[in-house]
Amino acid sequence: MARLTYLELPVSDLASAKAFYAAAFGWDFTDFGPSYAATTSGDTDIGLDADPAEKTAAALPVIEVDDLEACEAKVRAAGGEITVPIFAFPGGRRFHFRDSAGHELAAMQADG
């Protein structure tokens, strides 16, 4: 079953954002390069994206699915607009889309 598993937040200053969430909530972050870090609790995790070329304009909810290509086809059939085609990232693959109300979300399939 598809479920919300990740929330990616655009940030301007990665170090400052990591420090805030660590101090406020006790969260630990794993760095995935110089402009991206994420919690890796295995529950609903938070990603912080400071890359100006890749970060979204607003928070990006990420829905985990079992079959990424089938999900993409269903999103298209339901009237969704693919905004970022399927791409690989450490741990899986995903694509971004806009729903019928204009919200940007992502669907992802974990490796393995």
N, C-alpha and C. Protein backbone atom coordinates (compact mmCIF):
# COMPACT_ATOMS: atom_id res chain seq x y z
N MET A 1 0.84 -1.18 0.00
CA MET A 1 0.00 0.00 0.00
C MET A 1 0.89 1.24 0.00
N ALA A 2 0.53 2.22 -0.78
CA ALA A 2 1.27 3.48 -0.83
C ALA A 2 1.07 4.24 0.49
N ARG A 3 2.17 4.84 0.98
CA ARG A 3 2.07 5.62 2.21
C ARG A 3 3.06 6.76 2.18
N LEU A 4 2.70 7.85 2.86
CA LEU A 4 3.60 8.98 2.99
C LEU A 4 4.76 8.53 3.86
N THR A 5 5.97 8.61 3.33
CA THR A 5 7.13 8.07 4.03
C THR A 5 8.24 9.09 4.23
N TYR A 6 8.13 10.25 3.57
CA TYR A 6 9.25 11.18 3.57
C TYR A 6 8.74 12.58 3.31
N LEU A 7 9.37 13.55 3.92
CA LEU A 7 9.05 14.96 3.65
C LEU A 7 10.35 15.69 3.41
N GLU A 8 10.48 16.25 2.21
CA GLU A 8 11.69 16.98 1.85
C GLU A 8 11.44 18.47 1.98
N LEU A 9 12.32 19.15 2.70
CA LEU A 9 12.17 20.58 2.95
C LEU A 9 13.26 21.35 2.23
N PRO A 10 12.89 22.37 1.45
CA PRO A 10 13.91 23.24 0.85
C PRO A 10 14.47 24.16 1.94
N VAL A 11 15.78 24.28 1.98
CA VAL A 11 16.43 25.15 2.97
C VAL A 11 17.50 25.99 2.28
N SER A 12 17.80 27.14 2.86
CA SER A 12 18.85 28.00 2.31
C SER A 12 20.21 27.68 2.92
N ASP A 13 20.22 27.31 4.19
CA ASP A 13 21.46 27.06 4.92
C ASP A 13 21.35 25.69 5.59
N LEU A 14 22.01 24.70 5.00
CA LEU A 14 21.90 23.33 5.48
C LEU A 14 22.39 23.18 6.92
N ALA A 15 23.53 23.75 7.23
CA ALA A 15 24.08 23.62 8.59
C ALA A 15 23.13 24.21 9.63
N SER A 16 22.57 25.35 9.33
CA SER A 16 21.65 26.00 10.25
C SER A 16 20.37 25.17 10.44
N ALA A 17 19.85 24.64 9.35
CA ALA A 17 18.64 23.83 9.43
C ALA A 17 18.89 22.56 10.24
N LYS A 18 20.03 21.89 9.99
CA LYS A 18 20.36 20.69 10.75
C LYS A 18 20.48 21.02 12.23
N ALA A 19 21.14 22.14 12.55
CA ALA A 19 21.30 22.53 13.95
C ALA A 19 19.96 22.81 14.61
N PHE A 20 19.06 23.47 13.90
CA PHE A 20 17.73 23.77 14.44
C PHE A 20 16.99 22.50 14.80
N TYR A 21 16.87 21.57 13.84
CA TYR A 21 16.09 20.36 14.08
C TYR A 21 16.76 19.45 15.12
N ALA A 22 18.08 19.46 15.18
CA ALA A 22 18.77 18.68 16.22
C ALA A 22 18.46 19.26 17.60
N ALA A 23 18.52 20.60 17.72
CA ALA A 23 18.25 21.24 19.01
C ALA A 23 16.78 21.15 19.40
N ALA A 24 15.89 21.34 18.45
CA ALA A 24 14.46 21.37 18.76
C ALA A 24 13.87 19.98 18.99
N PHE A 25 14.34 18.98 18.24
CA PHE A 25 13.70 17.67 18.29
C PHE A 25 14.66 16.50 18.57
N GLY A 26 15.96 16.80 18.65
CA GLY A 26 16.92 15.74 18.90
C GLY A 26 17.20 14.85 17.71
N TRP A 27 16.88 15.34 16.50
CA TRP A 27 17.06 14.53 15.30
C TRP A 27 18.53 14.51 14.87
N ASP A 28 18.98 13.35 14.43
CA ASP A 28 20.31 13.18 13.83
C ASP A 28 20.14 13.13 12.32
N PHE A 29 21.09 13.69 11.60
CA PHE A 29 21.04 13.73 10.15
C PHE A 29 22.24 13.02 9.56
N THR A 30 22.02 12.36 8.43
CA THR A 30 23.08 11.77 7.63
C THR A 30 23.27 12.66 6.42
N ASP A 31 24.52 13.04 6.15
CA ASP A 31 24.81 13.88 4.98
C ASP A 31 24.89 13.00 3.73
N PHE A 32 24.23 13.47 2.68
CA PHE A 32 24.29 12.82 1.37
C PHE A 32 24.83 13.85 0.39
N GLY A 33 26.06 14.25 0.58
CA GLY A 33 26.68 15.29 -0.24
C GLY A 33 26.67 16.61 0.49
N PRO A 34 27.21 17.65 -0.15
CA PRO A 34 27.37 18.94 0.54
C PRO A 34 26.09 19.74 0.71
N SER A 35 25.02 19.38 -0.01
CA SER A 35 23.80 20.20 0.05
C SER A 35 22.56 19.41 0.44
N TYR A 36 22.73 18.18 0.94
CA TYR A 36 21.56 17.38 1.29
C TYR A 36 21.85 16.55 2.53
N ALA A 37 20.89 16.52 3.44
CA ALA A 37 20.99 15.69 4.64
C ALA A 37 19.60 15.18 4.97
N ALA A 38 19.54 14.04 5.66
CA ALA A 38 18.24 13.46 5.99
C ALA A 38 18.31 12.66 7.28
N THR A 39 17.16 12.59 7.95
CA THR A 39 17.04 11.65 9.05
C THR A 39 16.91 10.27 8.43
N THR A 40 17.31 9.25 9.15
CA THR A 40 17.22 7.88 8.63
C THR A 40 16.64 6.96 9.70
N SER A 41 15.50 7.36 10.24
CA SER A 41 14.87 6.60 11.32
C SER A 41 14.14 5.37 10.82
N GLY A 42 13.77 5.37 9.54
CA GLY A 42 12.99 4.27 8.99
C GLY A 42 11.50 4.50 9.11
N ASP A 43 11.11 5.54 9.83
CA ASP A 43 9.70 5.92 9.92
C ASP A 43 9.49 7.00 8.87
N THR A 44 8.69 8.00 9.11
CA THR A 44 8.58 9.12 8.18
C THR A 44 9.79 10.01 8.41
N ASP A 45 10.68 10.06 7.44
CA ASP A 45 11.92 10.81 7.58
C ASP A 45 11.82 12.19 6.95
N ILE A 46 12.77 13.05 7.31
CA ILE A 46 12.84 14.43 6.83
C ILE A 46 14.14 14.60 6.05
N GLY A 47 14.04 15.17 4.85
CA GLY A 47 15.22 15.51 4.06
C GLY A 47 15.34 17.02 3.97
N LEU A 48 16.56 17.52 4.01
CA LEU A 48 16.83 18.96 3.90
C LEU A 48 17.64 19.18 2.63
N ASP A 49 17.09 19.94 1.69
CA ASP A 49 17.72 20.15 0.39
C ASP A 49 18.12 21.61 0.24
N ALA A 50 19.42 21.86 0.18
CA ALA A 50 19.94 23.22 0.04
C ALA A 50 20.53 23.49 -1.33
N ASP A 51 20.35 22.58 -2.28
CA ASP A 51 20.88 22.79 -3.63
C ASP A 51 19.91 23.68 -4.39
N PRO A 52 20.31 24.90 -4.73
CA PRO A 52 19.38 25.82 -5.41
C PRO A 52 18.87 25.28 -6.74
N ALA A 53 19.63 24.41 -7.40
CA ALA A 53 19.21 23.87 -8.69
C ALA A 53 18.20 22.74 -8.55
N GLU A 54 18.10 22.14 -7.37
CA GLU A 54 17.23 20.97 -7.19
C GLU A 54 16.12 21.16 -6.18
N LYS A 55 16.26 22.09 -5.27
CA LYS A 55 15.25 22.18 -4.22
C LYS A 55 13.93 22.71 -4.76
N THR A 56 12.87 22.24 -4.16
CA THR A 56 11.53 22.63 -4.56
C THR A 56 11.14 23.95 -3.89
N ALA A 57 10.08 24.56 -4.38
CA ALA A 57 9.63 25.85 -3.83
C ALA A 57 8.95 25.68 -2.48
N ALA A 58 8.43 24.51 -2.20
CA ALA A 58 7.71 24.25 -0.95
C ALA A 58 8.08 22.85 -0.47
N ALA A 59 7.59 22.49 0.69
CA ALA A 59 7.81 21.13 1.21
C ALA A 59 7.33 20.12 0.18
N LEU A 60 8.05 19.01 0.06
CA LEU A 60 7.75 17.99 -0.93
C LEU A 60 7.39 16.68 -0.23
N PRO A 61 6.10 16.36 -0.13
CA PRO A 61 5.71 15.06 0.42
C PRO A 61 6.12 13.94 -0.54
N VAL A 62 6.65 12.85 0.00
CA VAL A 62 7.09 11.73 -0.83
C VAL A 62 6.30 10.49 -0.42
N ILE A 63 5.68 9.86 -1.40
CA ILE A 63 4.84 8.69 -1.18
C ILE A 63 5.60 7.46 -1.66
N GLU A 64 5.77 6.48 -0.77
CA GLU A 64 6.45 5.24 -1.15
C GLU A 64 5.45 4.29 -1.79
N VAL A 65 5.84 3.73 -2.93
CA VAL A 65 4.98 2.80 -3.67
C VAL A 65 5.77 1.53 -3.98
N ASP A 66 5.04 0.47 -4.35
CA ASP A 66 5.67 -0.81 -4.66
C ASP A 66 6.18 -0.89 -6.10
N ASP A 67 5.51 -0.18 -7.02
CA ASP A 67 5.84 -0.25 -8.45
C ASP A 67 5.84 1.17 -9.01
N LEU A 68 7.02 1.74 -9.20
CA LEU A 68 7.14 3.14 -9.59
C LEU A 68 6.56 3.41 -10.98
N GLU A 69 6.84 2.54 -11.94
CA GLU A 69 6.33 2.76 -13.29
C GLU A 69 4.80 2.67 -13.33
N ALA A 70 4.23 1.73 -12.59
CA ALA A 70 2.77 1.62 -12.54
C ALA A 70 2.17 2.86 -11.89
N CYS A 71 2.82 3.36 -10.85
CA CYS A 71 2.34 4.57 -10.18
C CYS A 71 2.39 5.76 -11.13
N GLU A 72 3.49 5.89 -11.87
CA GLU A 72 3.60 6.99 -12.82
C GLU A 72 2.46 6.94 -13.84
N ALA A 73 2.17 5.76 -14.34
CA ALA A 73 1.08 5.61 -15.31
C ALA A 73 -0.27 6.01 -14.69
N LYS A 74 -0.49 5.63 -13.45
CA LYS A 74 -1.74 5.99 -12.77
C LYS A 74 -1.83 7.49 -12.51
N VAL A 75 -0.70 8.10 -12.14
CA VAL A 75 -0.69 9.55 -11.93
C VAL A 75 -1.05 10.27 -13.22
N ARG A 76 -0.45 9.85 -14.33
CA ARG A 76 -0.76 10.45 -15.63
C ARG A 76 -2.23 10.25 -15.99
N ALA A 77 -2.72 9.04 -15.80
CA ALA A 77 -4.12 8.72 -16.15
C ALA A 77 -5.10 9.51 -15.30
N ALA A 78 -4.70 9.84 -14.07
CA ALA A 78 -5.57 10.61 -13.18
C ALA A 78 -5.51 12.10 -13.46
N GLY A 79 -4.66 12.51 -14.40
CA GLY A 79 -4.56 13.92 -14.76
C GLY A 79 -3.39 14.64 -14.13
N GLY A 80 -2.49 13.89 -13.48
CA GLY A 80 -1.30 14.50 -12.88
C GLY A 80 -0.29 14.88 -13.95
N GLU A 81 0.54 15.86 -13.62
CA GLU A 81 1.59 16.33 -14.53
C GLU A 81 2.94 15.92 -13.96
N ILE A 82 3.73 15.18 -14.72
CA ILE A 82 5.06 14.77 -14.29
C ILE A 82 5.97 16.00 -14.40
N THR A 83 6.58 16.41 -13.30
CA THR A 83 7.45 17.59 -13.30
C THR A 83 8.93 17.22 -13.31
N VAL A 84 9.27 16.05 -12.78
CA VAL A 84 10.64 15.53 -12.82
C VAL A 84 10.53 14.04 -13.14
N PRO A 85 11.11 13.61 -14.28
CA PRO A 85 11.01 12.19 -14.66
C PRO A 85 11.72 11.29 -13.64
N ILE A 86 11.48 10.01 -13.74
CA ILE A 86 12.08 9.03 -12.84
C ILE A 86 13.60 9.18 -12.84
N PHE A 87 14.17 9.23 -11.62
CA PHE A 87 15.62 9.30 -11.47
C PHE A 87 16.02 8.46 -10.25
N ALA A 88 17.28 8.05 -10.23
CA ALA A 88 17.81 7.26 -9.12
C ALA A 88 18.42 8.19 -8.08
N PHE A 89 18.36 7.77 -6.83
CA PHE A 89 19.01 8.47 -5.72
C PHE A 89 19.49 7.39 -4.76
N PRO A 90 20.36 7.71 -3.81
CA PRO A 90 20.82 6.68 -2.87
C PRO A 90 19.63 6.06 -2.13
N GLY A 91 19.36 4.80 -2.39
CA GLY A 91 18.28 4.10 -1.72
C GLY A 91 17.07 3.81 -2.57
N GLY A 92 17.01 4.33 -3.80
CA GLY A 92 15.85 4.05 -4.63
C GLY A 92 15.75 4.90 -5.86
N ARG A 93 14.51 5.03 -6.35
CA ARG A 93 14.20 5.85 -7.52
C ARG A 93 12.92 6.61 -7.22
N ARG A 94 12.74 7.75 -7.88
CA ARG A 94 11.50 8.52 -7.68
C ARG A 94 11.23 9.42 -8.87
N PHE A 95 10.01 9.99 -8.88
CA PHE A 95 9.65 11.04 -9.82
C PHE A 95 8.80 12.06 -9.08
N HIS A 96 8.74 13.28 -9.61
CA HIS A 96 7.91 14.34 -9.03
C HIS A 96 6.72 14.59 -9.94
N PHE A 97 5.63 15.04 -9.34
CA PHE A 97 4.42 15.34 -10.12
C PHE A 97 3.60 16.41 -9.43
N ARG A 98 2.72 17.03 -10.21
CA ARG A 98 1.73 17.95 -9.66
C ARG A 98 0.37 17.26 -9.72
N ASP A 99 -0.37 17.40 -8.61
CA ASP A 99 -1.71 16.83 -8.59
C ASP A 99 -2.70 17.80 -9.24
N SER A 100 -3.97 17.46 -9.24
CA SER A 100 -4.98 18.28 -9.91
C SER A 100 -5.16 19.65 -9.26
N ALA A 101 -4.69 19.81 -8.02
CA ALA A 101 -4.79 21.11 -7.33
C ALA A 101 -3.51 21.92 -7.46
N GLY A 102 -2.50 21.37 -8.14
CA GLY A 102 -1.25 22.08 -8.35
C GLY A 102 -0.17 21.82 -7.32
N HIS A 103 -0.41 20.92 -6.35
CA HIS A 103 0.60 20.59 -5.35
C HIS A 103 1.66 19.69 -5.95
N GLU A 104 2.92 19.96 -5.62
CA GLU A 104 3.99 19.08 -6.08
C GLU A 104 4.27 18.03 -5.02
N LEU A 105 4.32 16.78 -5.46
CA LEU A 105 4.62 15.64 -4.61
C LEU A 105 5.62 14.76 -5.35
N ALA A 106 6.07 13.72 -4.70
CA ALA A 106 6.93 12.74 -5.34
C ALA A 106 6.46 11.34 -4.97
N ALA A 107 6.72 10.42 -5.86
CA ALA A 107 6.51 8.99 -5.59
C ALA A 107 7.85 8.33 -5.68
N MET A 108 8.13 7.40 -4.75
CA MET A 108 9.42 6.73 -4.75
C MET A 108 9.25 5.23 -4.51
N GLN A 109 10.23 4.49 -5.05
CA GLN A 109 10.31 3.05 -4.81
C GLN A 109 11.69 2.78 -4.26
N ALA A 110 11.74 2.13 -3.10
CA ALA A 110 13.02 1.82 -2.47
C ALA A 110 13.73 0.71 -3.22
N ASP A 111 15.06 0.71 -3.17
CA ASP A 111 15.85 -0.38 -3.74
C ASP A 111 15.56 -1.66 -2.97
N GLY A 112 15.66 -2.76 -3.69
CA GLY A 112 15.60 -4.07 -3.07
C GLY A 112 14.28 -4.47 -2.66
